C-alpha atoms as a PDB file:
ATOM      1  CA  MET A   1     -18.252   0.041 -24.183  1.00  0.00           C
ATOM      2  CA  THR A   2     -19.503   2.415 -26.871  1.00  0.00           C
ATOM      3  CA  PRO A   3     -16.881   5.127 -27.498  1.00  0.00           C
ATOM      4  CA  VAL A   4     -17.974   8.611 -26.512  1.00  0.00           C
ATOM      5  CA  SER A   5     -17.260  11.702 -28.525  1.00  0.00           C
ATOM      6  CA  SER A   6     -14.562  13.975 -27.132  1.00  0.00           C
ATOM      7  CA  PRO A   7     -16.157  16.689 -24.996  1.00  0.00           C
ATOM      8  CA  SER A   8     -15.286  20.338 -25.389  1.00  0.00           C
ATOM      9  CA  GLN A   9     -11.806  21.498 -24.493  1.00  0.00           C
ATOM     10  CA  SER A  10     -13.418  23.993 -22.109  1.00  0.00           C
ATOM     11  CA  ARG A  11     -13.523  21.470 -19.267  1.00  0.00           C
ATOM     12  CA  LEU A  12     -10.668  22.117 -16.837  1.00  0.00           C
ATOM     13  CA  ALA A  13      -9.452  19.728 -14.126  1.00  0.00           C
ATOM     14  CA  LEU A  14      -7.111  20.461 -11.239  1.00  0.00           C
ATOM     15  CA  VAL A  15      -5.146  17.329 -10.361  1.00  0.00           C
ATOM     16  CA  LEU A  16      -3.545  17.013  -6.934  1.00  0.00           C
ATOM     17  CA  GLY A  17      -0.848  14.339  -7.209  1.00  0.00           C
ATOM     18  CA  ALA A  18      -0.562  14.413 -11.002  1.00  0.00           C
ATOM     19  CA  THR A  19       2.813  12.626 -11.070  1.00  0.00           C
ATOM     20  CA  GLY A  20       1.697   9.798  -8.787  1.00  0.00           C
ATOM     21  CA  ALA A  21       0.200   6.447  -9.673  1.00  0.00           C
ATOM     22  CA  PHE A  22      -3.524   7.164  -9.900  1.00  0.00           C
ATOM     23  CA  GLY A  23      -2.984  10.825 -10.746  1.00  0.00           C
ATOM     24  CA  SER A  24      -0.757  10.325 -13.775  1.00  0.00           C
ATOM     25  CA  HIS A  25      -3.021   7.719 -15.355  1.00  0.00           C
ATOM     26  CA  THR A  26      -6.114   9.795 -14.702  1.00  0.00           C
ATOM     27  CA  VAL A  27      -4.397  12.779 -16.339  1.00  0.00           C
ATOM     28  CA  ALA A  28      -3.653  10.637 -19.414  1.00  0.00           C
ATOM     29  CA  ALA A  29      -7.258   9.465 -19.621  1.00  0.00           C
ATOM     30  CA  LEU A  30      -8.728  12.932 -19.075  1.00  0.00           C
ATOM     31  CA  LEU A  31      -6.516  14.395 -21.802  1.00  0.00           C
ATOM     32  CA  LYS A  32      -7.746  11.694 -24.164  1.00  0.00           C
ATOM     33  CA  HIS A  33     -11.326  12.608 -23.274  1.00  0.00           C
ATOM     34  CA  GLY A  34     -10.818  16.287 -24.062  1.00  0.00           C
ATOM     35  CA  TRP A  35     -10.017  17.838 -20.685  1.00  0.00           C
ATOM     36  CA  ARG A  36      -7.472  20.560 -20.016  1.00  0.00           C
ATOM     37  CA  ILE A  37      -5.252  19.837 -17.023  1.00  0.00           C
ATOM     38  CA  ARG A  38      -3.909  22.072 -14.297  1.00  0.00           C
ATOM     39  CA  ALA A  39      -1.765  20.454 -11.610  1.00  0.00           C
ATOM     40  CA  LEU A  40      -0.408  21.528  -8.249  1.00  0.00           C
ATOM     41  CA  ALA A  41       3.258  20.969  -7.380  1.00  0.00           C
ATOM     42  CA  ARG A  42       5.657  22.274  -4.747  1.00  0.00           C
ATOM     43  CA  ASP A  43       8.244  22.541  -7.537  1.00  0.00           C
ATOM     44  CA  PRO A  44       6.431  23.107 -10.866  1.00  0.00           C
ATOM     45  CA  ASP A  45       9.628  23.048 -12.946  1.00  0.00           C
ATOM     46  CA  ALA A  46      10.690  19.665 -11.549  1.00  0.00           C
ATOM     47  CA  ALA A  47       7.170  18.285 -12.004  1.00  0.00           C
ATOM     48  CA  ARG A  48       7.102  19.551 -15.603  1.00  0.00           C
ATOM     49  CA  ARG A  49      10.386  17.799 -16.347  1.00  0.00           C
ATOM     50  CA  ARG A  50       9.178  14.571 -14.758  1.00  0.00           C
ATOM     51  CA  ALA A  51       5.899  14.568 -16.684  1.00  0.00           C
ATOM     52  CA  GLY A  52       7.617  15.342 -19.980  1.00  0.00           C
ATOM     53  CA  PRO A  53       6.352  17.099 -23.123  1.00  0.00           C
ATOM     54  CA  ALA A  54       3.823  14.368 -23.901  1.00  0.00           C
ATOM     55  CA  MET A  55       1.738  15.510 -20.908  1.00  0.00           C
ATOM     56  CA  PRO A  56       0.394  19.035 -21.635  1.00  0.00           C
ATOM     57  CA  ILE A  57      -0.178  20.230 -18.073  1.00  0.00           C
ATOM     58  CA  ASP A  58      -0.390  23.742 -16.666  1.00  0.00           C
ATOM     59  CA  TRP A  59       1.723  23.418 -13.513  1.00  0.00           C
ATOM     60  CA  VAL A  60       1.068  25.816 -10.634  1.00  0.00           C
ATOM     61  CA  LYS A  61       2.998  26.179  -7.403  1.00  0.00           C
ATOM     62  CA  GLY A  62       1.357  24.969  -4.205  1.00  0.00           C
ATOM     63  CA  ASP A  63       1.095  22.256  -1.578  1.00  0.00           C
ATOM     64  CA  ALA A  64      -1.826  19.866  -1.114  1.00  0.00           C
ATOM     65  CA  LEU A  65      -1.562  20.447   2.654  1.00  0.00           C
ATOM     66  CA  ASP A  66      -1.922  24.225   2.195  1.00  0.00           C
ATOM     67  CA  GLN A  67      -5.654  24.816   1.865  1.00  0.00           C
ATOM     68  CA  ALA A  68      -5.243  28.386   0.635  1.00  0.00           C
ATOM     69  CA  SER A  69      -2.997  27.390  -2.275  1.00  0.00           C
ATOM     70  CA  VAL A  70      -5.336  24.573  -3.297  1.00  0.00           C
ATOM     71  CA  VAL A  71      -8.323  26.940  -3.277  1.00  0.00           C
ATOM     72  CA  VAL A  72      -6.455  29.440  -5.456  1.00  0.00           C
ATOM     73  CA  ALA A  73      -5.300  26.731  -7.878  1.00  0.00           C
ATOM     74  CA  ALA A  74      -8.881  25.452  -8.238  1.00  0.00           C
ATOM     75  CA  GLU A  75     -10.322  28.753  -9.440  1.00  0.00           C
ATOM     76  CA  GLY A  76     -12.237  28.264 -12.690  1.00  0.00           C
ATOM     77  CA  THR A  77     -12.049  24.452 -12.653  1.00  0.00           C
ATOM     78  CA  ASP A  78     -14.835  21.976 -13.310  1.00  0.00           C
ATOM     79  CA  LEU A  79     -13.140  19.042 -11.558  1.00  0.00           C
ATOM     80  CA  ILE A  80     -10.630  18.408  -8.787  1.00  0.00           C
ATOM     81  CA  VAL A  81      -8.865  15.032  -8.762  1.00  0.00           C
ATOM     82  CA  HIS A  82      -7.666  14.239  -5.247  1.00  0.00           C
ATOM     83  CA  ALA A  83      -4.831  11.803  -6.023  1.00  0.00           C
ATOM     84  CA  VAL A  84      -2.449  12.572  -3.162  1.00  0.00           C
ATOM     85  CA  ASN A  85      -1.485  10.279  -0.318  1.00  0.00           C
ATOM     86  CA  PRO A  86       1.554  10.110   1.985  1.00  0.00           C
ATOM     87  CA  PRO A  87       4.196   7.761   0.517  1.00  0.00           C
ATOM     88  CA  GLY A  88       5.321   4.640   2.319  1.00  0.00           C
ATOM     89  CA  TYR A  89       2.376   4.736   4.761  1.00  0.00           C
ATOM     90  CA  ARG A  90       4.110   7.610   6.618  1.00  0.00           C
ATOM     91  CA  ASN A  91       2.166  10.026   8.842  1.00  0.00           C
ATOM     92  CA  TRP A  92      -1.326   9.188   7.657  1.00  0.00           C
ATOM     93  CA  LYS A  93      -2.807  10.684  10.813  1.00  0.00           C
ATOM     94  CA  GLY A  94      -1.203  14.069  10.191  1.00  0.00           C
ATOM     95  CA  THR A  95      -1.686  14.363   6.433  1.00  0.00           C
ATOM     96  CA  VAL A  96      -4.587  12.401   4.922  1.00  0.00           C
ATOM     97  CA  LEU A  97      -7.461  14.300   6.525  1.00  0.00           C
ATOM     98  CA  PRO A  98      -5.945  17.809   6.184  1.00  0.00           C
ATOM     99  CA  MET A  99      -5.324  17.122   2.493  1.00  0.00           C
ATOM    100  CA  VAL A 100      -8.879  15.989   1.802  1.00  0.00           C
ATOM    101  CA  ASP A 101     -10.197  18.972   3.777  1.00  0.00           C
ATOM    102  CA  ALA A 102      -8.179  21.249   1.477  1.00  0.00           C
ATOM    103  CA  ALA A 103      -9.597  19.532  -1.609  1.00  0.00           C
ATOM    104  CA  ILE A 104     -13.149  19.822  -0.253  1.00  0.00           C
ATOM    105  CA  ALA A 105     -12.688  23.529   0.474  1.00  0.00           C
ATOM    106  CA  ALA A 106     -11.324  24.098  -3.035  1.00  0.00           C
ATOM    107  CA  ALA A 107     -14.192  22.182  -4.679  1.00  0.00           C
ATOM    108  CA  GLU A 108     -16.716  24.121  -2.605  1.00  0.00           C
ATOM    109  CA  ALA A 109     -15.176  27.467  -3.538  1.00  0.00           C
ATOM    110  CA  ALA A 110     -14.871  26.658  -7.249  1.00  0.00           C
ATOM    111  CA  GLY A 111     -18.154  24.786  -7.642  1.00  0.00           C
ATOM    112  CA  ALA A 112     -16.128  21.867  -9.019  1.00  0.00           C
ATOM    113  CA  ARG A 113     -16.813  18.155  -8.816  1.00  0.00           C
ATOM    114  CA  LEU A 114     -14.374  16.221  -6.597  1.00  0.00           C
ATOM    115  CA  LEU A 115     -13.018  12.836  -7.759  1.00  0.00           C
ATOM    116  CA  VAL A 116     -11.442  10.700  -5.024  1.00  0.00           C
ATOM    117  CA  PRO A 117      -9.993   7.183  -5.409  1.00  0.00           C
ATOM    118  CA  ALA A 118     -10.729   4.882  -2.481  1.00  0.00           C
ATOM    119  CA  SER A 119      -9.416   1.550  -1.199  1.00  0.00           C
ATOM    120  CA  VAL A 120     -10.596  -1.614   0.547  1.00  0.00           C
ATOM    121  CA  TYR A 121      -9.016  -0.513   3.842  1.00  0.00           C
ATOM    122  CA  ASN A 122     -12.505   0.521   5.005  1.00  0.00           C
ATOM    123  CA  PHE A 123     -13.632  -3.083   5.379  1.00  0.00           C
ATOM    124  CA  ALA A 124     -13.143  -5.579   8.196  1.00  0.00           C
ATOM    125  CA  PRO A 125     -11.398  -8.936   7.652  1.00  0.00           C
ATOM    126  CA  ASP A 126     -14.757 -10.731   7.706  1.00  0.00           C
ATOM    127  CA  ALA A 127     -16.429  -8.356   5.229  1.00  0.00           C
ATOM    128  CA  GLY A 128     -16.401 -11.027   2.525  1.00  0.00           C
ATOM    129  CA  ALA A 129     -15.911 -11.090  -1.238  1.00  0.00           C
ATOM    130  CA  GLY A 130     -17.760  -9.205  -3.952  1.00  0.00           C
ATOM    131  CA  LEU A 131     -18.563  -6.149  -1.836  1.00  0.00           C
ATOM    132  CA  ASP A 132     -20.945  -3.606  -3.328  1.00  0.00           C
ATOM    133  CA  GLU A 133     -21.147   0.122  -2.663  1.00  0.00           C
ATOM    134  CA  ASP A 134     -23.472  -0.305   0.327  1.00  0.00           C
ATOM    135  CA  ALA A 135     -21.294  -2.820   2.181  1.00  0.00           C
ATOM    136  CA  PRO A 136     -20.822  -1.933   5.877  1.00  0.00           C
ATOM    137  CA  GLN A 137     -17.541  -0.190   6.651  1.00  0.00           C
ATOM    138  CA  ARG A 138     -16.131  -1.484   9.939  1.00  0.00           C
ATOM    139  CA  PRO A 139     -12.352  -0.962   9.746  1.00  0.00           C
ATOM    140  CA  VAL A 140     -10.006  -2.645  12.206  1.00  0.00           C
ATOM    141  CA  THR A 141      -6.833  -0.731  11.331  1.00  0.00           C
ATOM    142  CA  ARG A 142      -5.679   2.860  11.878  1.00  0.00           C
ATOM    143  CA  LYS A 143      -5.516   3.543   8.150  1.00  0.00           C
ATOM    144  CA  GLY A 144      -8.947   2.022   7.605  1.00  0.00           C
ATOM    145  CA  LYS A 145     -10.478   4.288  10.254  1.00  0.00           C
ATOM    146  CA  ILE A 146      -8.845   7.310   8.636  1.00  0.00           C
ATOM    147  CA  ARG A 147     -10.244   6.245   5.270  1.00  0.00           C
ATOM    148  CA  VAL A 148     -13.738   5.936   6.712  1.00  0.00           C
ATOM    149  CA  GLU A 149     -13.452   9.384   8.298  1.00  0.00           C
ATOM    150  CA  MET A 150     -12.256  10.740   4.952  1.00  0.00           C
ATOM    151  CA  GLU A 151     -15.343   9.405   3.182  1.00  0.00           C
ATOM    152  CA  THR A 152     -17.560  10.673   6.014  1.00  0.00           C
ATOM    153  CA  ARG A 153     -16.220  14.184   5.379  1.00  0.00           C
ATOM    154  CA  LEU A 154     -16.780  13.800   1.646  1.00  0.00           C
ATOM    155  CA  ARG A 155     -20.393  12.741   2.200  1.00  0.00           C
ATOM    156  CA  ALA A 156     -20.949  15.690   4.539  1.00  0.00           C
ATOM    157  CA  ALA A 157     -19.523  18.021   1.893  1.00  0.00           C
ATOM    158  CA  SER A 158     -21.942  16.625  -0.681  1.00  0.00           C
ATOM    159  CA  ARG A 159     -24.816  17.674   1.590  1.00  0.00           C
ATOM    160  CA  ARG A 160     -23.445  21.228   1.380  1.00  0.00           C
ATOM    161  CA  GLY A 161     -23.525  21.136  -2.410  1.00  0.00           C
ATOM    162  CA  VAL A 162     -20.104  19.670  -3.320  1.00  0.00           C
ATOM    163  CA  ARG A 163     -20.494  17.012  -6.021  1.00  0.00           C
ATOM    164  CA  VAL A 164     -18.375  13.978  -5.076  1.00  0.00           C
ATOM    165  CA  LEU A 165     -17.373  10.926  -7.106  1.00  0.00           C
ATOM    166  CA  VAL A 166     -15.627   8.099  -5.227  1.00  0.00           C
ATOM    167  CA  LEU A 167     -14.003   5.319  -7.264  1.00  0.00           C
ATOM    168  CA  ARG A 168     -12.974   2.356  -5.102  1.00  0.00           C
ATOM    169  CA  ALA A 169     -10.454  -0.228  -6.290  1.00  0.00           C
ATOM    170  CA  GLY A 170      -8.010  -2.829  -5.035  1.00  0.00           C
ATOM    171  CA  ASP A 171      -4.220  -2.769  -5.103  1.00  0.00           C
ATOM    172  CA  PHE A 172      -2.845  -0.647  -7.950  1.00  0.00           C
ATOM    173  CA  PHE A 173      -0.319  -1.687 -10.546  1.00  0.00           C
ATOM    174  CA  GLY A 174       0.822   0.469 -13.443  1.00  0.00           C
ATOM    175  CA  ALA A 175       3.383   3.152 -14.218  1.00  0.00           C
ATOM    176  CA  GLY A 176       4.132   5.965 -11.830  1.00  0.00           C
ATOM    177  CA  GLY A 177       5.795   4.747  -8.647  1.00  0.00           C
ATOM    178  CA  ALA A 178       6.685   1.975  -6.276  1.00  0.00           C
ATOM    179  CA  ASN A 179       5.353   0.461  -3.058  1.00  0.00           C
ATOM    180  CA  SER A 180       2.395  -1.492  -4.435  1.00  0.00           C
ATOM    181  CA  ALA A 181       1.988  -5.062  -3.274  1.00  0.00           C
ATOM    182  CA  LEU A 182       3.069  -6.334  -6.685  1.00  0.00           C
ATOM    183  CA  ASP A 183       6.208  -4.238  -6.516  1.00  0.00           C
ATOM    184  CA  TRP A 184       7.401  -5.335  -3.093  1.00  0.00           C
ATOM    185  CA  LEU A 185       6.403  -8.954  -3.635  1.00  0.00           C
ATOM    186  CA  LEU A 186       8.374  -9.376  -6.844  1.00  0.00           C
ATOM    187  CA  LEU A 187      12.119  -9.987  -6.625  1.00  0.00           C
ATOM    188  CA  ARG A 188      14.002  -8.835  -9.712  1.00  0.00           C
ATOM    189  CA  SER A 189      17.463  -8.816 -11.222  1.00  0.00           C
ATOM    190  CA  ARG A 190      18.135  -6.295 -14.022  1.00  0.00           C
ATOM    191  CA  GLY A 191      14.420  -5.865 -14.459  1.00  0.00           C
ATOM    192  CA  ARG A 192      13.677  -9.569 -14.821  1.00  0.00           C
ATOM    193  CA  PRO A 193      11.577 -11.306 -12.142  1.00  0.00           C
ATOM    194  CA  THR A 194      13.482 -13.955 -10.207  1.00  0.00           C
ATOM    195  CA  ALA A 195      10.927 -14.911  -7.538  1.00  0.00           C
ATOM    196  CA  LEU A 196       7.582 -13.951  -6.070  1.00  0.00           C
ATOM    197  CA  PHE A 197       6.981 -13.650  -2.350  1.00  0.00           C
ATOM    198  CA  ARG A 198       3.843 -15.452  -1.157  1.00  0.00           C
ATOM    199  CA  PRO A 199       2.392 -13.267   1.656  1.00  0.00           C
ATOM    200  CA  GLY A 200      -0.558 -15.458   2.620  1.00  0.00           C
ATOM    201  CA  PRO A 201      -2.494 -18.623   1.798  1.00  0.00           C
ATOM    202  CA  LYS A 202      -2.133 -19.423  -1.887  1.00  0.00           C
ATOM    203  CA  ASP A 203      -5.883 -19.674  -2.459  1.00  0.00           C
ATOM    204  CA  ILE A 204      -7.089 -16.391  -0.862  1.00  0.00           C
ATOM    205  CA  PRO A 205      -8.107 -13.901  -3.593  1.00  0.00           C
ATOM    206  CA  ARG A 206      -7.052 -10.243  -3.647  1.00  0.00           C
ATOM    207  CA  ALA A 207      -8.297  -7.367  -5.793  1.00  0.00           C
ATOM    208  CA  PHE A 208      -5.833  -5.734  -8.225  1.00  0.00           C
ATOM    209  CA  ALA A 209      -6.486  -2.653 -10.365  1.00  0.00           C
ATOM    210  CA  TYR A 210      -4.512  -1.946 -13.545  1.00  0.00           C
ATOM    211  CA  LEU A 211      -4.056   1.820 -13.503  1.00  0.00           C
ATOM    212  CA  PRO A 212      -4.692   2.580 -17.204  1.00  0.00           C
ATOM    213  CA  ASP A 213      -8.041   0.799 -16.878  1.00  0.00           C
ATOM    214  CA  LEU A 214      -8.859   2.669 -13.677  1.00  0.00           C
ATOM    215  CA  GLY A 215      -7.995   6.030 -15.228  1.00  0.00           C
ATOM    216  CA  GLU A 216     -10.157   5.257 -18.261  1.00  0.00           C
ATOM    217  CA  THR A 217     -13.020   4.299 -15.929  1.00  0.00           C
ATOM    218  CA  ALA A 218     -12.777   7.646 -14.137  1.00  0.00           C
ATOM    219  CA  ALA A 219     -12.806   9.568 -17.416  1.00  0.00           C
ATOM    220  CA  ALA A 220     -15.751   7.555 -18.760  1.00  0.00           C
ATOM    221  CA  LEU A 221     -17.766   8.242 -15.607  1.00  0.00           C
ATOM    222  CA  LEU A 222     -16.989  11.957 -15.840  1.00  0.00           C
ATOM    223  CA  ASP A 223     -18.154  12.025 -19.459  1.00  0.00           C
ATOM    224  CA  ARG A 224     -21.597  11.264 -18.012  1.00  0.00           C
ATOM    225  CA  ALA A 225     -21.290  13.521 -14.992  1.00  0.00           C
ATOM    226  CA  ASP A 226     -24.722  15.024 -15.571  1.00  0.00           C
ATOM    227  CA  GLU A 227     -26.219  11.632 -14.728  1.00  0.00           C
ATOM    228  CA  LEU A 228     -24.367  11.298 -11.422  1.00  0.00           C
ATOM    229  CA  GLY A 229     -25.782  12.087  -8.006  1.00  0.00           C
ATOM    230  CA  ALA A 230     -24.341  14.577  -5.534  1.00  0.00           C
ATOM    231  CA  TYR A 231     -22.451  11.757  -3.795  1.00  0.00           C
ATOM    232  CA  GLU A 232     -21.708   8.797  -6.028  1.00  0.00           C
ATOM    233  CA  VAL A 233     -19.615   5.709  -5.282  1.00  0.00           C
ATOM    234  CA  PHE A 234     -18.550   3.088  -7.840  1.00  0.00           C
ATOM    235  CA  HIS A 235     -16.579  -0.105  -7.231  1.00  0.00           C
ATOM    236  CA  PHE A 236     -13.979  -1.200  -9.777  1.00  0.00           C
ATOM    237  CA  ARG A 237     -13.511  -4.975  -9.742  1.00  0.00           C
ATOM    238  CA  GLY A 238     -10.270  -5.267 -11.722  1.00  0.00           C
ATOM    239  CA  ASP A 239      -8.409  -8.583 -11.580  1.00  0.00           C
ATOM    240  CA  VAL A 240      -9.210 -10.880  -8.657  1.00  0.00           C
ATOM    241  CA  LEU A 241      -6.221 -13.146  -8.086  1.00  0.00           C
ATOM    242  CA  SER A 242      -5.034 -15.549  -5.434  1.00  0.00           C
ATOM    243  CA  PRO A 243      -1.261 -15.754  -4.878  1.00  0.00           C
ATOM    244  CA  ALA A 244      -1.284 -19.012  -6.856  1.00  0.00           C
ATOM    245  CA  GLN A 245      -3.092 -17.358  -9.791  1.00  0.00           C
ATOM    246  CA  LEU A 246      -0.781 -14.342  -9.651  1.00  0.00           C
ATOM    247  CA  LEU A 247       2.250 -16.643  -9.775  1.00  0.00           C
ATOM    248  CA  ALA A 248       0.848 -18.506 -12.787  1.00  0.00           C
ATOM    249  CA  ALA A 249       0.135 -15.214 -14.588  1.00  0.00           C
ATOM    250  CA  LEU A 250       3.615 -13.860 -13.871  1.00  0.00           C
ATOM    251  CA  ARG A 251       5.149 -17.085 -15.145  1.00  0.00           C
ATOM    252  CA  ARG A 252       3.280 -16.618 -18.427  1.00  0.00           C
ATOM    253  CA  ALA A 253       4.091 -12.916 -18.676  1.00  0.00           C
ATOM    254  CA  SER A 254       7.778 -13.367 -17.880  1.00  0.00           C
ATOM    255  CA  GLY A 255       8.233 -16.442 -20.055  1.00  0.00           C
ATOM    256  CA  ASN A 256       9.677 -18.251 -17.033  1.00  0.00           C
ATOM    257  CA  PRO A 257       7.496 -21.278 -16.217  1.00  0.00           C
ATOM    258  CA  ARG A 258       9.708 -22.043 -13.212  1.00  0.00           C
ATOM    259  CA  LEU A 259       9.458 -18.657 -11.509  1.00  0.00           C
ATOM    260  CA  PRO A 260       9.457 -19.702  -7.828  1.00  0.00           C
ATOM    261  CA  ALA A 261       7.255 -18.541  -4.959  1.00  0.00           C
ATOM    262  CA  ILE A 262       8.865 -18.112  -1.542  1.00  0.00           C
ATOM    263  CA  PRO A 263       7.328 -17.296   1.871  1.00  0.00           C
ATOM    264  CA  PHE A 264       7.124 -13.604   2.696  1.00  0.00           C
ATOM    265  CA  PRO A 265       9.290 -12.728   5.750  1.00  0.00           C
ATOM    266  CA  TRP A 266       6.541 -11.437   8.036  1.00  0.00           C
ATOM    267  CA  PRO A 267       8.584 -12.088  11.225  1.00  0.00           C
ATOM    268  CA  LEU A 268      11.348  -9.847   9.863  1.00  0.00           C
ATOM    269  CA  ILE A 269       8.808  -7.160   8.887  1.00  0.00           C
ATOM    270  CA  ARG A 270       7.437  -7.252  12.433  1.00  0.00           C
ATOM    271  CA  LEU A 271      10.933  -6.851  13.869  1.00  0.00           C
ATOM    272  CA  VAL A 272      11.950  -4.002  11.551  1.00  0.00           C
ATOM    273  CA  GLY A 273       8.609  -2.358  12.287  1.00  0.00           C
ATOM    274  CA  LEU A 274       9.760  -1.687  15.835  1.00  0.00           C
ATOM    275  CA  TRP A 275      11.690   1.304  14.468  1.00  0.00           C
ATOM    276  CA  ASN A 276      10.498   1.686  10.844  1.00  0.00           C
ATOM    277  CA  GLU A 277       7.075   3.275  10.301  1.00  0.00           C
ATOM    278  CA  THR A 278       6.532   1.884   6.805  1.00  0.00           C
ATOM    279  CA  MET A 279       7.191  -1.701   7.932  1.00  0.00           C
ATOM    280  CA  ARG A 280       5.004  -1.212  10.989  1.00  0.00           C
ATOM    281  CA  GLU A 281       2.106   0.021   8.878  1.00  0.00           C
ATOM    282  CA  LEU A 282       2.659  -2.762   6.341  1.00  0.00           C
ATOM    283  CA  MET A 283       2.366  -5.286   9.146  1.00  0.00           C
ATOM    284  CA  GLU A 284      -0.996  -3.827  10.141  1.00  0.00           C
ATOM    285  CA  MET A 285      -2.362  -4.525   6.649  1.00  0.00           C
ATOM    286  CA  ARG A 286      -1.351  -8.194   6.650  1.00  0.00           C
ATOM    287  CA  TYR A 287      -4.987  -9.200   7.105  1.00  0.00           C
ATOM    288  CA  LEU A 288      -5.695  -8.268   3.465  1.00  0.00           C
ATOM    289  CA  TRP A 289      -3.719 -11.379   2.432  1.00  0.00           C
ATOM    290  CA  ARG A 290      -5.674 -13.603   4.813  1.00  0.00           C
ATOM    291  CA  ALA A 291      -9.235 -12.556   3.938  1.00  0.00           C
ATOM    292  CA  PRO A 292     -11.022 -12.578   0.550  1.00  0.00           C
ATOM    293  CA  ILE A 293     -11.938  -8.862   0.380  1.00  0.00           C
ATOM    294  CA  THR A 294     -12.888  -8.116  -3.234  1.00  0.00           C
ATOM    295  CA  LEU A 295     -15.277  -5.732  -4.977  1.00  0.00           C
ATOM    296  CA  SER A 296     -18.391  -6.130  -7.119  1.00  0.00           C
ATOM    297  CA  ASN A 297     -18.603  -3.906 -10.193  1.00  0.00           C
ATOM    298  CA  GLY A 298     -22.311  -4.462 -10.819  1.00  0.00           C
ATOM    299  CA  LYS A 299     -23.232  -0.793 -10.446  1.00  0.00           C
ATOM    300  CA  LEU A 300     -20.332   0.320 -12.660  1.00  0.00           C
ATOM    301  CA  VAL A 301     -21.185  -2.148 -15.422  1.00  0.00           C
ATOM    302  CA  ALA A 302     -24.852  -1.190 -15.279  1.00  0.00           C
ATOM    303  CA  PHE A 303     -23.900   2.475 -15.709  1.00  0.00           C
ATOM    304  CA  LEU A 304     -21.101   2.263 -18.304  1.00  0.00           C
ATOM    305  CA  GLY A 305     -22.054  -0.968 -20.048  1.00  0.00           C
ATOM    306  CA  GLU A 306     -18.748  -2.622 -19.142  1.00  0.00           C
ATOM    307  CA  GLU A 307     -15.692  -2.112 -16.959  1.00  0.00           C
ATOM    308  CA  PRO A 308     -12.582  -1.077 -18.937  1.00  0.00           C
ATOM    309  CA  HIS A 309     -10.253  -4.049 -18.710  1.00  0.00           C
ATOM    310  CA  THR A 310      -6.933  -4.968 -20.262  1.00  0.00           C
ATOM    311  CA  SER A 311      -6.262  -8.703 -20.306  1.00  0.00           C
ATOM    312  CA  LEU A 312      -4.092  -9.793 -17.394  1.00  0.00           C
ATOM    313  CA  ASP A 313      -1.415 -11.316 -19.624  1.00  0.00           C
ATOM    314  CA  THR A 314      -1.157  -8.080 -21.598  1.00  0.00           C
ATOM    315  CA  SER A 315      -1.044  -5.812 -18.553  1.00  0.00           C
ATOM    316  CA  LEU A 316       1.622  -7.926 -16.845  1.00  0.00           C
ATOM    317  CA  ARG A 317       3.724  -8.213 -20.008  1.00  0.00           C
ATOM    318  CA  GLU A 318       3.684  -4.439 -20.406  1.00  0.00           C
ATOM    319  CA  THR A 319       4.433  -4.073 -16.716  1.00  0.00           C
ATOM    320  CA  LEU A 320       7.410  -6.417 -16.742  1.00  0.00           C
ATOM    321  CA  GLY A 321       8.693  -4.957 -19.998  1.00  0.00           C
ATOM    322  CA  GLU A 322       9.111  -1.543 -18.432  1.00  0.00           C
ATOM    323  CA  LEU A 323      10.810  -2.643 -15.225  1.00  0.00           C
ATOM    324  CA  ALA A 324      14.237  -2.496 -16.841  1.00  0.00           C
ATOM    325  CA  GLU A 325      13.578   1.038 -18.146  1.00  0.00           C
ATOM    326  CA  PRO A 326      13.294   4.366 -16.291  1.00  0.00           C
ATOM    327  CA  THR A 327       9.739   4.773 -15.024  1.00  0.00           C
ATOM    328  CA  THR A 328       7.923   7.744 -16.544  1.00  0.00           C
ATOM    329  CA  PRO A 329       4.346   8.954 -16.225  1.00  0.00           C
ATOM    330  CA  PRO A 330       1.990   7.451 -18.821  1.00  0.00           C
ATOM    331  CA  ARG A 331       1.390   9.288 -22.064  1.00  0.00           C
ATOM    332  CA  ALA A 332      -1.947  10.495 -23.344  1.00  0.00           C
ATOM    333  CA  ARG A 333      -2.867   7.857 -25.917  1.00  0.00           C
ATOM    334  CA  ASN A 334      -5.835   6.735 -27.938  1.00  0.00           C
ATOM    335  CA  ASP A 335      -6.235   3.586 -25.897  1.00  0.00           C
ATOM    336  CA  ALA A 336      -6.488   2.670 -22.231  1.00  0.00           C
ATOM    337  CA  THR A 337      -3.291   0.633 -22.025  1.00  0.00           C
ATOM    338  CA  ALA A 338      -0.294   2.959 -21.781  1.00  0.00           C
ATOM    339  CA  PRO A 339       2.943   1.075 -20.971  1.00  0.00           C
ATOM    340  CA  SER A 340       3.402   0.602 -17.253  1.00  0.00           C
ATOM    341  CA  ALA A 341       5.617  -0.467 -14.418  1.00  0.00           C
ATOM    342  CA  LEU A 342       4.601  -2.133 -11.186  1.00  0.00           C
ATOM    343  CA  SER A 343       3.569   0.693  -8.951  1.00  0.00           C
ATOM    344  CA  ASN A 344       2.009   2.429  -6.013  1.00  0.00           C
ATOM    345  CA  HIS A 345      -1.190   1.627  -4.186  1.00  0.00           C
ATOM    346  CA  ALA A 346      -1.031   5.040  -2.543  1.00  0.00           C
ATOM    347  CA  VAL A 347      -3.875   6.982  -4.105  1.00  0.00           C
END
């Protein structure tokens, strides 16, 4: 991809969820591309300490569920990054849609563009591989139906004049949290991987998105915002890996050619799910390990020239290297590959 010149520092983004997985990496990429960052936090002082001095962010007090505080925080912004999601799959029904409604209201009031990361939850088990932006969305899970409703509201907002950019990707990995598939599948001792759970057939591919690459993609798209439509969707392909390929890559990255794979305890997850919401919701998403649901990046490559991509061996080595260290948000750097730890798919 041809490097772009840094735009003016006058561009201001409000980031909702700036210390989370997608949010922190998008902040790092936007800073590199010349944006100023404002971020919402219930406790700005704690958020400032967590982000650290390497992340020059103007923290303001507010809650992503409180529409009034989001609208106030968005005053004067050019962009709102909606990077919040309930952790551990908890209370999606009561939080996901109110939060996106607050972001839409803020974007409408400020005249700002709205950037929203999206997932593959929208698609049915038989949707197939290499899905493009026009693929039918026929979800079979509660979370998938909520995701479809979320995008329906975003499209409706675009018809009222809100400019919307949706960036869809597979399972995240990178610095900034826990709970991604890679995180809960990898057994570790003192930061070193000791085994990998195999959650489905070893030859079924799954889409993975390295967060520094995804953040760089978002920033690159926004550098050409004038060429985007009122409602624009791009698919990020990332790394497409079967459990067998993931195991081989982790063996290379860890330097342990005998790293074992063991069956994932789905029966236990089902049992614990009788009283644990996170396990119950995890069980509902089991189909993603049984069906080859992956994304085509043809539109993205045609627009940007290429998809930002760190080699898998490099991204996993950096990931594993940080597991034994305290996880911190990524720093603004002059490249798209800030050090990372296995992390959150919650967007």
